[in-house]
Amino acid sequence: VYIATHENAAFLGPASEQAIARQIAESRGPSGPNSEYLLELAKALRELGKDDPHVFEIERHLIELAAA
């Protein structure tokens, strides 16, 4: 799990799920696109039967951005 705290240069700060999705859509790290990480996280949460409205809302916006 990657957590960006206030001390981290990658910390976006207070942001809507839509803004977070835009940031994720435009970002990639040494292991690949950040969008892939978020989409796989949402998939894994569903497979585990875990409900995470925050992650699922970011996923929804990310999918909309990819379709546009």
C-alpha atoms as a PDB file:
ATOM      1  CA  VAL A   1       0.000   0.000   0.000  1.00  0.00           C
ATOM      2  CA  TYR A   2       1.222   3.458  -0.882  1.00  0.00           C
ATOM      3  CA  ILE A   3       0.267   6.282   1.447  1.00  0.00           C
ATOM      4  CA  ALA A   4       1.286   9.861   0.689  1.00  0.00           C
ATOM      5  CA  THR A   5       1.352  11.935   3.859  1.00  0.00           C
ATOM      6  CA  HIS A   6       1.639  15.722   4.157  1.00  0.00           C
ATOM      7  CA  GLU A   7       5.427  15.342   4.262  1.00  0.00           C
ATOM      8  CA  ASN A   8       5.498  13.489   0.932  1.00  0.00           C
ATOM      9  CA  ALA A   9       6.156  15.527  -2.230  1.00  0.00           C
ATOM     10  CA  ALA A  10       3.513  13.430  -4.041  1.00  0.00           C
ATOM     11  CA  PHE A  11       0.764  14.367  -1.567  1.00  0.00           C
ATOM     12  CA  LEU A  12      -2.117  15.949  -3.502  1.00  0.00           C
ATOM     13  CA  GLY A  13      -3.743  17.489  -0.446  1.00  0.00           C
ATOM     14  CA  PRO A  14      -7.470  17.823   0.097  1.00  0.00           C
ATOM     15  CA  ALA A  15      -9.123  16.856  -3.184  1.00  0.00           C
ATOM     16  CA  SER A  16     -12.304  15.397  -4.563  1.00  0.00           C
ATOM     17  CA  GLU A  17     -12.392  11.846  -5.860  1.00  0.00           C
ATOM     18  CA  GLN A  18     -12.604  13.310  -9.371  1.00  0.00           C
ATOM     19  CA  ALA A  19      -9.422  15.354  -8.852  1.00  0.00           C
ATOM     20  CA  ILE A  20      -7.667  12.325  -7.385  1.00  0.00           C
ATOM     21  CA  ALA A  21      -8.717  10.263 -10.423  1.00  0.00           C
ATOM     22  CA  ARG A  22      -7.301  12.915 -12.773  1.00  0.00           C
ATOM     23  CA  GLN A  23      -4.006  12.881 -10.871  1.00  0.00           C
ATOM     24  CA  ILE A  24      -3.879   9.081 -10.993  1.00  0.00           C
ATOM     25  CA  ALA A  25      -4.723   9.028 -14.721  1.00  0.00           C
ATOM     26  CA  GLU A  26      -1.763  11.297 -15.465  1.00  0.00           C
ATOM     27  CA  SER A  27       0.770   9.560 -13.217  1.00  0.00           C
ATOM     28  CA  ARG A  28       2.999   6.545 -13.491  1.00  0.00           C
ATOM     29  CA  GLY A  29       5.779   5.099 -11.404  1.00  0.00           C
ATOM     30  CA  PRO A  30       8.599   2.605 -11.908  1.00  0.00           C
ATOM     31  CA  SER A  31       6.102  -0.282 -11.728  1.00  0.00           C
ATOM     32  CA  GLY A  32       3.711   1.152 -14.300  1.00  0.00           C
ATOM     33  CA  PRO A  33       0.694   3.430 -14.557  1.00  0.00           C
ATOM     34  CA  ASN A  34      -0.948   4.494 -11.324  1.00  0.00           C
ATOM     35  CA  SER A  35      -4.338   3.826 -12.915  1.00  0.00           C
ATOM     36  CA  GLU A  36      -3.493   0.135 -13.121  1.00  0.00           C
ATOM     37  CA  TYR A  37      -2.735   0.088  -9.391  1.00  0.00           C
ATOM     38  CA  LEU A  38      -6.041   1.746  -8.494  1.00  0.00           C
ATOM     39  CA  LEU A  39      -8.090  -0.484 -10.798  1.00  0.00           C
ATOM     40  CA  GLU A  40      -6.434  -3.624  -9.421  1.00  0.00           C
ATOM     41  CA  LEU A  41      -6.964  -2.375  -5.859  1.00  0.00           C
ATOM     42  CA  ALA A  42     -10.685  -1.893  -6.507  1.00  0.00           C
ATOM     43  CA  LYS A  43     -10.884  -5.360  -8.095  1.00  0.00           C
ATOM     44  CA  ALA A  44      -9.124  -6.963  -5.116  1.00  0.00           C
ATOM     45  CA  LEU A  45     -11.392  -5.195  -2.621  1.00  0.00           C
ATOM     46  CA  ARG A  46     -14.455  -6.532  -4.435  1.00  0.00           C
ATOM     47  CA  GLU A  47     -13.008 -10.051  -4.523  1.00  0.00           C
ATOM     48  CA  LEU A  48     -12.428  -9.828  -0.773  1.00  0.00           C
ATOM     49  CA  GLY A  49     -15.979  -8.586  -0.234  1.00  0.00           C
ATOM     50  CA  LYS A  50     -14.752  -5.266   1.130  1.00  0.00           C
ATOM     51  CA  ASP A  51     -16.674  -2.052   0.498  1.00  0.00           C
ATOM     52  CA  ASP A  52     -14.550   1.065   0.091  1.00  0.00           C
ATOM     53  CA  PRO A  53     -16.709   3.875  -1.290  1.00  0.00           C
ATOM     54  CA  HIS A  54     -13.707   6.214  -1.625  1.00  0.00           C
ATOM     55  CA  VAL A  55     -11.717   3.784  -3.779  1.00  0.00           C
ATOM     56  CA  PHE A  56     -14.774   2.795  -5.820  1.00  0.00           C
ATOM     57  CA  GLU A  57     -15.670   6.437  -6.515  1.00  0.00           C
ATOM     58  CA  ILE A  58     -12.125   7.170  -7.695  1.00  0.00           C
ATOM     59  CA  GLU A  59     -12.331   4.046  -9.868  1.00  0.00           C
ATOM     60  CA  ARG A  60     -15.603   5.289 -11.399  1.00  0.00           C
ATOM     61  CA  HIS A  61     -14.060   8.634 -12.313  1.00  0.00           C
ATOM     62  CA  LEU A  62     -10.912   6.965 -13.634  1.00  0.00           C
ATOM     63  CA  ILE A  63     -12.968   4.732 -15.938  1.00  0.00           C
ATOM     64  CA  GLU A  64     -14.894   7.789 -17.175  1.00  0.00           C
ATOM     65  CA  LEU A  65     -11.641   9.610 -17.907  1.00  0.00           C
ATOM     66  CA  ALA A  66     -10.269   6.623 -19.829  1.00  0.00           C
ATOM     67  CA  ALA A  67     -13.443   6.444 -21.930  1.00  0.00           C
ATOM     68  CA  ALA A  68     -13.304  10.151 -22.818  1.00  0.00           C
END
